[in-house]
Amino acid sequence: MRTEPLPLILLTGFLGSGKTSALQHWLGHTMVPLKRVAVIINDFGEINVDAALLQRRQLELRSITGGCVCCQSFEDLVEQVSRLADNPDFDLVWIETSGLADPEEVLDHLSSAELQDKTVLRRMVLVLDGTDFPCSWRGRAVQEEQIRYADLMLLNKTDRLDEAARMRVEIALRQLNPQADIVSTHHGIAEPAQLSAESAREMSHASHEHGSDCGCGHDDHDHEHHAHDHDSHHHHEHDDEKLPHSATTFFLPLTEPVDRGTFQRFLGTLPSSVFRAKGFVRFTEAPEQVHTFQQVRDQAELLLLPLEEAPAIATGLVFIGPQLDEAHIRTLAADLVSGQTVSP
């Protein structure tokens, strides 16, 4: 029987900012027993790449796909958190939102009557790509909202910035949110205790109601629900008032190992509309090995994926961007997918 509300940590940040890397580092270095931790990962794509990257022994990991938890999948979020709060085996829950999630909407859902007395929001952690601020894609509205609500900001990828550029970004962040702590990081590496320390300000959900001070310097926020129109599980259009773009995503299966050179050539042909790409791939020279692929704008990374228990991973690539031409990208991938097994 739980006697205290279950602490939650909300992890936000725009597409490709490094949220999963930050959480990976925390899981690998925290002193908190992983068997007492639950992680909820939201990805509005067809498969949840980030959830596969975070899989650990003893860790309770739950995946929410097919829509942002701020709008289309919020009922799933509330249900998952409620079940965890009813289980006294857990001491902490991380919630990693999709890169396009509106934090105000997520807070509204976490403030629902079902969770009001069961949980407490310990921290709102923002991971921000210092090389892409303000956001180069038309997502500045949601990026600024994520900044304003954070009480800890990880200014990430600072290894790619000189000191003058880093200071310019930090000054701009402090103008948007003068009260949050800012920590410069690269690869999401931050002191684990700083992200989840019990001494951090724990904000009750009641503090996020109308006309109240949430403790982050945001007085009198009007938390009305905004209508977000998601017309299918492939095309997710957020309300123009909050995020003025049409976000499109699709999954390209790669069921068989591919030639590395063909893969690299395909990446070189991708149109600029592909803001984010990620997934898993096997290469013909070592088909038993799984690589994880990440790309944000023109920054691409391909790493061998360490698998603790070699789980079955759906190999393939997820593409995200404004108004993606899916047919065109699939045509570009013709050489890549030739000979692939197609499920009936």
Protein backbone atom coordinates (compact mmCIF):
# COMPACT_ATOMS: atom_id res chain seq x y z
CA MET A 1 0.00 0.00 0.00
CA ARG A 2 1.51 3.33 -1.07
CA THR A 3 1.49 6.00 1.64
CA GLU A 4 2.99 8.88 -0.39
CA PRO A 5 2.26 10.14 -3.92
CA LEU A 6 4.37 8.56 -6.64
CA PRO A 7 7.04 11.04 -7.91
CA LEU A 8 7.07 11.74 -11.65
CA ILE A 9 9.82 13.27 -13.79
CA LEU A 10 8.66 14.73 -17.10
CA LEU A 11 11.35 14.71 -19.80
CA THR A 12 10.71 17.03 -22.74
CA GLY A 13 12.65 18.42 -25.67
CA PHE A 14 12.25 18.95 -29.39
CA LEU A 15 12.98 16.27 -31.98
CA GLY A 16 16.58 15.10 -31.88
CA SER A 17 17.56 17.16 -28.84
CA GLY A 18 19.00 14.16 -26.97
CA LYS A 19 16.25 13.16 -24.53
CA THR A 20 16.84 9.44 -24.89
CA SER A 21 20.61 9.85 -24.55
CA ALA A 22 20.11 11.78 -21.31
CA LEU A 23 17.80 9.12 -19.95
CA GLN A 24 20.16 6.34 -21.06
CA HIS A 25 22.98 7.95 -19.10
CA TRP A 26 20.78 8.36 -16.03
CA LEU A 27 19.71 4.71 -16.14
CA GLY A 28 23.31 3.61 -16.50
CA HIS A 29 24.68 5.67 -13.60
CA THR A 30 21.90 6.33 -11.11
CA MET A 31 22.05 5.02 -7.57
CA VAL A 32 18.28 4.43 -7.66
CA PRO A 33 17.57 0.68 -8.03
CA LEU A 34 16.19 0.15 -11.53
CA LYS A 35 13.67 -2.37 -10.24
CA ARG A 36 12.06 0.56 -8.38
CA VAL A 37 11.92 2.73 -11.54
CA ALA A 38 9.37 2.79 -14.35
CA VAL A 39 9.83 4.57 -17.67
CA ILE A 40 7.06 5.59 -20.05
CA ILE A 41 8.27 6.43 -23.57
CA ASN A 42 6.02 8.19 -26.06
CA ASP A 43 6.74 8.23 -29.78
CA PHE A 44 4.06 9.21 -32.26
CA GLY A 45 5.66 7.01 -34.94
CA GLU A 46 4.58 3.50 -35.84
CA ILE A 47 7.40 1.92 -33.80
CA ASN A 48 9.05 3.20 -30.63
CA VAL A 49 12.78 3.33 -31.36
CA ASP A 50 13.61 5.10 -28.10
CA ALA A 51 11.94 2.43 -25.99
CA ALA A 52 14.15 -0.26 -27.54
CA LEU A 53 17.25 1.81 -26.76
CA LEU A 54 16.27 2.14 -23.10
CA GLN A 55 15.50 -1.51 -22.43
CA ARG A 56 17.26 -2.74 -19.26
CA ARG A 57 17.02 -5.78 -17.04
CA GLN A 58 14.72 -5.18 -14.06
CA LEU A 59 13.45 -1.90 -15.58
CA GLU A 60 9.70 -1.50 -16.04
CA LEU A 61 9.47 0.12 -19.47
CA ARG A 62 6.18 0.99 -21.12
CA SER A 63 5.78 2.24 -24.67
CA ILE A 64 3.07 4.54 -26.04
CA THR A 65 3.02 4.80 -29.84
CA GLY A 66 0.63 6.06 -32.48
CA GLY A 67 0.13 9.58 -31.15
CA CYS A 68 1.44 12.31 -28.85
CA VAL A 69 0.50 11.95 -25.17
CA CYS A 70 -0.46 15.62 -25.18
CA CYS A 71 -3.45 14.89 -27.37
CA GLN A 72 -4.17 11.63 -29.21
CA SER A 73 -2.67 9.18 -26.69
CA PHE A 74 -3.37 11.04 -23.43
CA GLU A 75 -5.84 8.43 -22.15
CA ASP A 76 -3.15 5.76 -22.46
CA LEU A 77 -0.76 7.99 -20.51
CA VAL A 78 -3.20 8.57 -17.66
CA GLU A 79 -4.01 4.86 -17.48
CA GLN A 80 -0.34 3.82 -17.43
CA VAL A 81 0.57 6.34 -14.72
CA SER A 82 -2.46 5.41 -12.64
CA ARG A 83 -1.55 1.72 -12.70
CA LEU A 84 2.04 2.47 -11.69
CA ALA A 85 0.83 4.71 -8.86
CA ASP A 86 -1.30 1.84 -7.55
CA ASN A 87 1.78 -0.39 -7.40
CA PRO A 88 3.91 0.20 -4.27
CA ASP A 89 6.90 -1.49 -5.92
CA PHE A 90 7.81 1.72 -7.78
CA ASP A 91 9.49 4.78 -6.29
CA LEU A 92 9.92 6.90 -9.42
CA VAL A 93 8.46 7.23 -12.92
CA TRP A 94 10.12 8.92 -15.89
CA ILE A 95 7.85 10.11 -18.71
CA GLU A 96 9.67 10.89 -21.96
CA THR A 97 7.33 12.74 -24.30
CA SER A 98 7.58 12.88 -28.06
CA GLY A 99 9.55 15.80 -29.45
CA LEU A 100 6.36 17.54 -30.57
CA ALA A 101 4.45 17.26 -27.29
CA ASP A 102 3.00 20.43 -25.76
CA PRO A 103 4.01 20.40 -22.05
CA GLU A 104 0.96 22.38 -21.01
CA GLU A 105 -1.32 19.71 -22.43
CA VAL A 106 0.68 16.92 -20.78
CA LEU A 107 0.47 18.71 -17.42
CA ASP A 108 -3.27 19.03 -17.82
CA HIS A 109 -3.59 15.28 -18.30
CA LEU A 110 -1.28 14.51 -15.38
CA SER A 111 -3.49 16.81 -13.28
CA SER A 112 -6.59 14.72 -13.97
CA ALA A 113 -8.82 13.73 -11.08
CA GLU A 114 -7.69 10.12 -11.48
CA LEU A 115 -4.08 11.09 -10.68
CA GLN A 116 -4.58 14.13 -8.46
CA ASP A 117 -3.83 12.43 -5.13
CA LYS A 118 -1.73 9.57 -6.47
CA THR A 119 1.26 11.36 -7.98
CA VAL A 120 3.50 14.40 -7.57
CA LEU A 121 5.58 16.04 -10.30
CA ARG A 122 9.14 16.18 -9.04
CA ARG A 123 10.89 17.75 -12.01
CA MET A 124 10.34 18.98 -15.54
CA VAL A 125 13.59 18.33 -17.40
CA LEU A 126 14.14 19.87 -20.82
CA VAL A 127 16.87 18.68 -23.21
CA LEU A 128 17.70 21.30 -25.83
CA ASP A 129 19.94 21.03 -28.89
CA GLY A 130 22.23 24.04 -28.56
CA THR A 131 23.19 23.79 -32.25
CA ASP A 132 19.57 24.22 -33.34
CA PHE A 133 18.16 27.04 -31.25
CA PRO A 134 15.82 28.58 -32.12
CA CYS A 135 14.50 25.48 -33.83
CA SER A 136 15.17 25.52 -37.57
CA TRP A 137 11.92 23.68 -38.27
CA ARG A 138 8.70 25.57 -37.70
CA GLY A 139 8.35 24.15 -34.20
CA ARG A 140 9.45 27.21 -32.26
CA ALA A 141 6.12 27.65 -30.52
CA VAL A 142 6.25 24.25 -28.84
CA GLN A 143 10.00 24.56 -28.21
CA GLU A 144 9.48 27.84 -26.37
CA GLU A 145 6.62 26.28 -24.40
CA GLN A 146 8.90 23.42 -23.36
CA ILE A 147 11.51 25.95 -22.22
CA ARG A 148 9.07 28.02 -20.19
CA TYR A 149 7.77 25.04 -18.23
CA ALA A 150 11.14 23.43 -17.42
CA ASP A 151 12.79 23.71 -14.02
CA LEU A 152 16.00 22.04 -15.28
CA MET A 153 17.37 22.59 -18.78
CA LEU A 154 20.13 20.45 -20.25
CA LEU A 155 21.78 22.58 -22.92
CA ASN A 156 22.97 19.67 -25.01
CA LYS A 157 25.51 19.21 -27.83
CA THR A 158 27.70 21.99 -26.42
CA ASP A 159 30.74 20.10 -27.73
CA ARG A 160 29.68 21.45 -31.13
CA LEU A 161 29.50 25.07 -29.92
CA ASP A 162 32.20 27.59 -29.09
CA GLU A 163 31.88 29.44 -25.81
CA ALA A 164 30.45 32.60 -27.37
CA ALA A 165 27.71 30.64 -29.13
CA ARG A 166 26.91 28.69 -25.97
CA MET A 167 26.57 31.91 -23.98
CA ARG A 168 24.24 33.40 -26.60
CA VAL A 169 21.95 30.39 -26.32
CA GLU A 170 22.02 30.45 -22.52
CA ILE A 171 21.16 34.17 -22.44
CA ALA A 172 18.20 33.54 -24.76
CA LEU A 173 17.03 30.64 -22.58
CA ARG A 174 17.19 32.78 -19.44
CA GLN A 175 15.07 35.42 -21.14
CA LEU A 176 12.37 32.80 -21.70
CA ASN A 177 12.80 31.13 -18.30
CA PRO A 178 14.92 33.02 -15.76
CA GLN A 179 14.31 30.59 -12.90
CA ALA A 180 15.28 27.21 -14.35
CA ASP A 181 18.68 25.66 -13.73
CA ILE A 182 20.78 25.35 -16.91
CA VAL A 183 23.43 22.64 -17.26
CA SER A 184 25.69 22.41 -20.32
CA THR A 185 26.00 18.83 -21.60
CA HIS A 186 27.10 16.74 -24.55
CA HIS A 187 25.58 13.37 -25.47
CA GLY A 188 23.04 14.04 -22.70
CA ILE A 189 25.61 13.35 -19.97
CA ALA A 190 24.56 15.00 -16.72
CA GLU A 191 24.98 14.20 -13.04
CA PRO A 192 22.23 11.63 -12.35
CA ALA A 193 21.40 13.02 -8.90
CA GLN A 194 20.83 16.46 -10.43
CA LEU A 195 18.07 15.07 -12.61
CA SER A 196 16.22 13.11 -9.96
CA ALA A 197 17.42 14.27 -6.53
CA GLU A 198 14.73 14.17 -3.88
CA SER A 199 15.79 17.64 -2.83
CA ALA A 200 14.45 18.96 -6.12
CA ARG A 201 11.29 21.02 -5.94
CA GLU A 202 8.28 18.68 -6.05
CA MET A 203 5.37 20.49 -7.62
CA SER A 204 1.92 19.22 -6.76
CA HIS A 205 -0.56 18.91 -9.58
CA ALA A 206 -2.80 21.38 -7.82
CA SER A 207 -0.18 24.05 -8.50
CA HIS A 208 -0.89 23.75 -12.22
CA GLU A 209 -4.52 24.76 -11.99
CA HIS A 210 -5.87 28.09 -13.21
CA GLY A 211 -4.44 31.17 -11.60
CA SER A 212 -1.79 29.35 -9.56
CA ASP A 213 1.99 29.55 -9.48
CA CYS A 214 3.54 26.30 -10.69
CA GLY A 215 6.86 27.14 -9.10
CA CYS A 216 8.56 27.63 -12.46
CA GLY A 217 7.86 31.32 -12.75
CA HIS A 218 4.65 30.91 -14.76
CA ASP A 219 1.85 32.66 -12.95
CA ASP A 220 -1.74 32.59 -14.13
CA HIS A 221 -1.36 30.10 -16.97
CA ASP A 222 -4.66 29.27 -18.58
CA HIS A 223 -4.61 25.50 -19.01
CA GLU A 224 -7.50 25.08 -21.38
CA HIS A 225 -7.34 22.07 -23.66
CA HIS A 226 -6.35 22.82 -27.23
CA ALA A 227 -7.88 20.80 -30.05
CA HIS A 228 -5.12 18.86 -31.78
CA ASP A 229 -6.17 17.23 -35.00
CA HIS A 230 -4.39 13.94 -35.78
CA ASP A 231 -5.93 12.69 -38.99
CA SER A 232 -4.21 9.28 -38.99
CA HIS A 233 -1.44 7.32 -37.34
CA HIS A 234 0.83 8.42 -40.20
CA HIS A 235 0.01 12.13 -40.27
CA HIS A 236 -0.05 14.15 -37.06
CA GLU A 237 -1.10 17.75 -37.39
CA HIS A 238 -0.88 19.75 -34.18
CA ASP A 239 -3.03 22.81 -33.64
CA ASP A 240 -1.58 25.76 -35.57
CA GLU A 241 -1.96 27.99 -32.51
CA LYS A 242 0.57 25.89 -30.61
CA LEU A 243 2.74 24.30 -33.31
CA PRO A 244 2.36 25.81 -36.81
CA HIS A 245 3.39 22.86 -38.97
CA SER A 246 2.19 19.56 -40.29
CA ALA A 247 4.27 16.76 -38.77
CA THR A 248 4.40 13.62 -40.87
CA THR A 249 5.99 10.30 -40.03
CA PHE A 250 6.28 6.89 -41.64
CA PHE A 251 8.22 3.66 -41.14
CA LEU A 252 10.39 1.99 -43.81
CA PRO A 253 10.91 -1.69 -42.87
CA LEU A 254 14.35 -3.23 -43.50
CA THR A 255 13.67 -6.86 -42.74
CA GLU A 256 16.95 -8.14 -44.24
CA PRO A 257 20.58 -6.96 -43.91
CA VAL A 258 21.47 -4.19 -46.36
CA ASP A 259 24.66 -3.18 -48.11
CA ARG A 260 26.42 -0.44 -46.13
CA GLY A 261 27.41 1.53 -49.22
CA THR A 262 23.85 1.45 -50.57
CA PHE A 263 22.62 2.61 -47.18
CA GLN A 264 25.02 5.56 -47.12
CA ARG A 265 24.09 6.56 -50.68
CA PHE A 266 20.41 6.47 -49.78
CA LEU A 267 21.02 8.79 -46.81
CA GLY A 268 22.77 11.22 -49.15
CA THR A 269 19.64 11.48 -51.31
CA LEU A 270 17.19 12.27 -48.51
CA PRO A 271 15.35 15.57 -49.05
CA SER A 272 15.72 18.44 -46.57
CA SER A 273 12.12 17.87 -45.47
CA VAL A 274 13.39 14.89 -43.42
CA PHE A 275 14.11 16.67 -40.16
CA ARG A 276 14.58 13.51 -38.12
CA ALA A 277 15.34 9.89 -39.00
CA LYS A 278 16.04 7.01 -36.64
CA GLY A 279 15.81 3.26 -36.45
CA PHE A 280 17.71 -0.03 -36.53
CA VAL A 281 19.62 -1.65 -39.38
CA ARG A 282 21.73 -4.77 -40.04
CA PHE A 283 24.50 -4.79 -42.64
CA THR A 284 25.45 -7.63 -44.93
CA GLU A 285 29.07 -7.77 -43.71
CA ALA A 286 27.91 -8.69 -40.18
CA PRO A 287 24.20 -9.59 -40.35
CA GLU A 288 24.05 -10.76 -36.73
CA GLN A 289 24.81 -7.23 -35.47
CA VAL A 290 22.18 -4.55 -35.02
CA HIS A 291 23.12 -0.91 -35.48
CA THR A 292 21.12 2.03 -34.22
CA PHE A 293 20.78 4.93 -36.63
CA GLN A 294 20.05 8.53 -35.62
CA GLN A 295 19.92 11.61 -37.82
CA VAL A 296 18.87 15.17 -37.02
CA ARG A 297 19.03 17.52 -40.00
CA ASP A 298 22.53 16.88 -41.42
CA GLN A 299 23.91 15.25 -38.25
CA ALA A 300 23.98 11.47 -38.68
CA GLU A 301 25.19 8.82 -36.25
CA LEU A 302 25.45 5.06 -36.70
CA LEU A 303 26.40 2.95 -33.68
CA LEU A 304 26.52 -0.74 -32.86
CA LEU A 305 23.63 -1.43 -30.52
CA PRO A 306 24.61 -3.30 -27.34
CA LEU A 307 21.84 -5.81 -26.68
CA GLU A 308 21.58 -7.29 -23.20
CA GLU A 309 19.26 -10.09 -24.17
CA ALA A 310 19.09 -9.81 -27.99
CA PRO A 311 15.38 -8.97 -28.10
CA ALA A 312 13.47 -9.09 -31.36
CA ILE A 313 13.88 -5.60 -32.82
CA ALA A 314 11.93 -4.38 -35.83
CA THR A 315 14.72 -3.25 -38.16
CA GLY A 316 13.88 -0.28 -40.33
CA LEU A 317 13.85 3.50 -40.35
CA VAL A 318 11.40 6.07 -39.03
CA PHE A 319 11.24 9.41 -40.87
CA ILE A 320 9.80 12.60 -39.37
CA GLY A 321 9.40 15.98 -40.97
CA PRO A 322 7.03 18.63 -42.28
CA GLN A 323 4.89 17.38 -45.17
CA LEU A 324 7.07 14.40 -46.06
CA ASP A 325 6.63 12.98 -49.54
CA GLU A 326 6.47 9.32 -48.53
CA ALA A 327 6.19 8.01 -52.09
CA HIS A 328 9.30 9.96 -53.14
CA ILE A 329 11.38 8.70 -50.21
CA ARG A 330 10.29 5.11 -50.87
CA THR A 331 11.37 5.55 -54.51
CA LEU A 332 14.78 6.79 -53.35
CA ALA A 333 15.01 3.67 -51.18
CA ALA A 334 14.29 1.27 -54.05
CA ASP A 335 17.84 -0.15 -54.14
CA LEU A 336 17.91 -0.34 -50.35
CA VAL A 337 14.74 -2.38 -49.98
CA SER A 338 15.16 -4.62 -53.03
CA GLY A 339 15.19 -8.24 -51.91
CA GLN A 340 13.60 -7.42 -48.56
CA THR A 341 10.99 -9.79 -47.15
CA VAL A 342 7.55 -8.22 -47.15
CA SER A 343 5.10 -9.44 -44.52
CA PRO A 344 1.66 -10.35 -45.88
